[in-house]
Protein backbone atom coordinates (compact mmCIF):
# COMPACT_ATOMS: atom_id res chain seq x y z
CA MET A 1 87.32 155.75 179.48
CA HIS A 2 90.81 156.44 178.11
CA LYS A 3 92.35 154.23 180.81
CA ARG A 4 89.91 151.43 180.01
CA SER A 5 90.83 151.61 176.31
CA LYS A 6 94.54 151.36 177.14
CA LEU A 7 93.92 148.33 179.31
CA LEU A 8 91.91 146.72 176.52
CA MET A 9 94.71 147.32 174.01
CA VAL A 10 97.28 145.86 176.39
CA GLY A 11 95.10 142.82 176.92
CA LEU A 12 94.62 142.30 173.19
CA GLY A 13 98.37 142.64 172.61
CA ALA A 14 99.17 140.07 175.29
CA ALA A 15 96.61 137.67 173.85
CA LEU A 16 98.10 138.05 170.37
CA LEU A 17 101.63 137.35 171.63
CA LEU A 18 100.38 134.31 173.51
CA ALA A 19 98.59 133.03 170.42
CA LEU A 20 101.75 133.42 168.32
CA ALA A 21 103.89 131.65 170.93
CA THR A 22 101.38 128.84 171.26
CA SER A 23 101.19 128.45 167.49
CA GLY A 24 104.99 128.06 167.23
CA ALA A 25 105.20 125.67 170.16
CA ALA A 26 102.37 123.53 168.78
CA ALA A 27 104.05 123.05 165.40
CA ARG A 28 104.94 119.38 165.26
CA SER A 29 106.54 119.09 161.84
CA PHE A 30 108.88 120.74 159.38
CA GLY A 31 107.78 121.32 155.80
CA LEU A 32 110.38 121.03 153.02
CA SER A 33 110.32 122.76 149.65
CA ASP A 34 111.76 119.62 148.03
CA ASN A 35 112.35 116.06 149.21
CA THR A 36 115.63 115.50 147.34
CA TYR A 37 119.08 116.79 148.21
CA ARG A 38 122.70 116.89 147.13
CA ALA A 39 125.33 117.71 149.76
CA GLN A 40 128.84 118.48 148.48
CA TRP A 41 132.02 118.86 150.52
CA ALA A 42 135.15 120.22 148.89
CA ALA A 43 137.08 118.84 151.87
CA LEU A 44 135.39 116.32 154.16
CA ARG A 45 137.79 115.25 156.90
CA PHE A 46 138.13 111.84 158.45
CA ILE A 47 140.30 111.83 161.54
CA ALA A 48 141.68 108.62 163.06
CA GLY A 49 144.67 107.90 165.25
CA GLY A 50 146.03 111.43 164.92
CA ARG A 51 145.92 111.29 161.10
CA THR A 52 143.51 113.19 158.86
CA VAL A 53 142.45 112.20 155.34
CA THR A 54 140.63 114.96 153.45
CA CYS A 55 138.58 114.31 150.30
CA PRO A 56 135.88 115.90 148.14
CA VAL A 57 132.66 114.00 148.91
CA THR A 58 129.14 114.16 147.47
CA LEU A 59 126.08 112.60 149.08
CA GLU A 60 122.74 112.42 147.27
CA GLY A 61 119.42 111.11 148.47
CA SER A 62 115.85 111.86 149.36
CA PHE A 63 113.51 112.39 152.27
CA HIS A 64 110.47 110.12 152.52
CA SER A 65 108.18 113.11 152.15
CA ARG A 66 108.17 116.90 152.28
CA THR A 67 107.04 116.71 155.89
CA ILE A 68 109.40 115.77 158.76
CA ALA A 69 107.89 115.07 162.16
CA LYS A 70 109.88 116.28 165.17
CA VAL A 71 110.27 112.76 166.55
CA ALA A 72 113.76 111.82 167.73
CA ASN A 73 115.38 108.88 165.89
CA SER A 74 112.56 108.57 163.35
CA LEU A 75 113.62 107.46 159.85
CA ILE A 76 113.19 110.44 157.51
CA GLY A 77 115.15 109.49 154.40
CA TYR A 78 118.05 107.78 152.67
CA VAL A 79 121.44 108.46 151.14
CA THR A 80 121.26 106.65 147.82
CA ARG A 81 124.53 107.78 146.24
CA ALA A 82 127.94 108.57 147.75
CA ILE A 83 130.99 109.69 145.78
CA VAL A 84 134.57 110.24 146.92
CA THR A 85 136.96 111.96 144.47
CA ASN A 86 140.11 110.07 145.40
CA ALA A 87 142.31 111.91 142.92
CA ALA A 88 141.79 115.06 144.99
CA CYS A 89 142.26 113.49 148.44
CA THR A 90 145.10 114.66 150.63
CA ASN A 91 147.13 112.55 153.08
CA GLY A 92 145.58 109.27 151.95
CA SER A 93 142.49 107.86 150.27
CA ALA A 94 138.93 106.76 151.00
CA THR A 95 136.52 104.34 149.32
CA VAL A 96 132.75 104.17 149.69
CA LEU A 97 131.39 100.65 150.25
CA THR A 98 128.55 101.09 147.78
CA ALA A 99 127.06 97.66 148.57
CA THR A 100 125.89 99.10 151.91
CA LEU A 101 123.74 101.78 150.24
CA PRO A 102 121.15 103.07 150.84
CA TRP A 103 122.17 104.57 154.17
CA HIS A 104 119.55 105.70 156.68
CA VAL A 105 118.96 109.32 157.70
CA THR A 106 117.11 109.83 161.00
CA TYR A 107 115.90 112.98 162.73
CA ARG A 108 117.82 113.96 165.86
CA SER A 109 116.78 117.40 167.15
CA PHE A 110 116.54 121.09 166.31
CA ALA A 111 118.08 124.23 167.79
CA GLY A 112 116.60 127.69 168.12
CA THR A 113 113.48 129.21 169.63
CA LEU A 114 110.35 128.49 167.65
CA PRO A 115 109.37 129.78 165.19
CA ASN A 116 112.99 130.74 164.43
CA ILE A 117 114.89 127.53 163.64
CA GLU A 118 118.67 127.83 163.55
CA ARG A 119 119.58 124.26 162.71
CA ILE A 120 118.26 120.72 162.40
CA SER A 121 120.43 117.80 163.51
CA ILE A 122 120.32 114.41 161.78
CA ASN A 123 121.96 110.99 162.14
CA LEU A 124 123.56 109.01 159.32
CA ILE A 125 123.35 105.26 159.93
CA ASN A 126 125.04 102.36 158.08
CA ALA A 127 127.42 104.69 156.25
CA SER A 128 130.51 102.64 155.37
CA PHE A 129 133.91 103.84 154.16
CA GLN A 130 137.35 102.34 153.93
CA VAL A 131 139.89 104.97 154.86
CA GLN A 132 143.65 104.65 154.41
CA PRO A 133 145.90 107.44 155.67
CA ARG A 134 149.21 107.75 153.84
CA GLU A 135 151.83 105.30 155.17
CA SER A 136 149.28 103.59 157.41
CA VAL A 137 146.84 100.68 157.35
CA ALA A 138 143.36 100.73 155.77
CA CYS A 139 140.50 100.86 158.27
CA LEU A 140 136.78 100.33 157.88
CA ALA A 141 134.57 103.06 159.31
CA ARG A 142 130.91 102.10 159.69
CA THR A 143 128.22 104.10 161.46
CA SER A 144 125.34 102.48 163.35
CA THR A 145 122.32 103.32 165.46
CA ALA A 146 124.57 103.23 168.53
CA ASN A 147 127.35 105.23 166.83
CA PRO A 148 125.86 107.37 164.08
CA ALA A 149 127.58 110.05 162.10
CA VAL A 150 125.91 113.28 163.20
CA GLY A 151 125.35 116.33 161.05
CA PHE A 152 123.51 119.59 161.46
CA ILE A 153 121.76 121.57 158.76
CA SER A 154 122.22 125.31 159.28
CA LEU A 155 119.27 127.55 158.40
CA ALA A 156 119.12 131.24 157.56
CA GLY A 157 115.68 132.73 157.14
CA GLY A 158 114.26 129.26 156.59
CA THR A 159 116.78 128.34 153.87
CA ALA A 160 119.15 125.41 154.38
CA THR A 161 122.60 126.91 153.85
CA SER A 162 124.97 124.07 154.76
CA LEU A 163 125.41 120.64 156.33
CA THR A 164 128.22 120.24 158.86
CA ALA A 165 129.60 116.90 160.05
CA GLU A 166 129.74 116.96 163.86
CA GLU A 167 133.37 116.15 164.66
CA GLY A 168 132.57 115.01 168.20
CA ALA A 169 130.60 111.97 167.00
CA GLU A 170 132.72 108.82 167.33
CA ILE A 171 132.79 106.25 164.53
CA PRO A 172 134.16 102.77 165.37
CA LEU A 173 137.07 101.50 163.26
CA THR A 174 137.78 97.88 162.38
CA GLY A 175 140.39 96.02 160.33
CA ALA A 176 144.13 95.38 160.20
CA PHE A 177 144.06 92.67 162.88
CA GLY A 178 142.79 95.04 165.57
CA LEU A 179 145.26 97.85 164.86
CA CYS A 180 142.47 100.18 163.68
CA ALA A 181 140.43 99.79 166.86
CA PHE A 182 143.61 100.19 168.92
CA GLY A 183 144.06 103.67 167.44
CA GLY A 184 140.70 104.82 168.83
CA ALA A 185 137.48 105.92 167.19
CA GLY A 186 137.31 107.92 163.99
CA HIS A 187 135.62 111.29 163.43
CA PHE A 188 134.12 113.05 160.42
CA GLY A 189 134.42 116.82 160.13
CA GLY A 190 133.77 119.61 157.67
CA THR A 191 131.03 121.82 156.21
CA THR A 192 129.48 121.52 152.76
CA THR A 193 130.26 124.01 150.03
CA SER A 194 126.85 123.31 148.49
CA LEU A 195 123.52 122.00 149.82
CA ARG A 196 120.72 122.08 147.28
CA THR A 197 118.08 119.94 145.60
CA GLN A 198 119.39 116.82 143.88
CA ASN A 199 119.33 118.44 140.43
CA GLY A 200 121.14 121.47 141.87
CA ALA A 201 118.45 123.82 140.61
CA ALA A 202 117.25 125.29 143.90
CA ASN A 203 117.87 125.84 147.58
CA ILE A 204 115.90 123.80 150.11
CA THR A 205 113.66 125.79 152.42
CA VAL A 206 112.22 124.64 155.75
CA THR A 207 108.98 125.88 157.36
CA LEU A 208 107.01 125.01 160.48
CA ILE A 209 103.69 123.28 159.88
């Protein structure tokens, strides 16, 4: 009888673990505590042709809803405001082409083993900057569906802690009679010092639903 009870307990435990695993794997969406955001970099880098311009940058925007489906390349929100503090830039300057706003934010992927999410990757499309390294020509950097800026949102216990620009993503450069393209693709890099709701009042939390 004792042996039968032990086998029953083992069976129940295995069934519970399977149910939990299945529940995490079946989750198709992420739930957000707020659908607005403000991402602030004290030093966002733009690297091109061996030169790096570093500037404080703020991006503000919103997600279409508080639910994000795990569907690659689906449109999930917009950047509606972008600010570069040129007075604090080092080794050059950068200007946001505000006429191109709003910029598109699309879902890319996630990392981690469900239900523990470590990060969510996103694409930034149609982002447009003019960047001019000191003692060099001004170049236009514009992201696209084919060449998006890529960022990943780091999570700790379900709370979004930072947004990091993926430096490996290549951004085409144009301008200066072909000299910009000749220097190769550009790259963004750097991690936010703050990632919160648009009014700055709260952190953004992410859950599986």
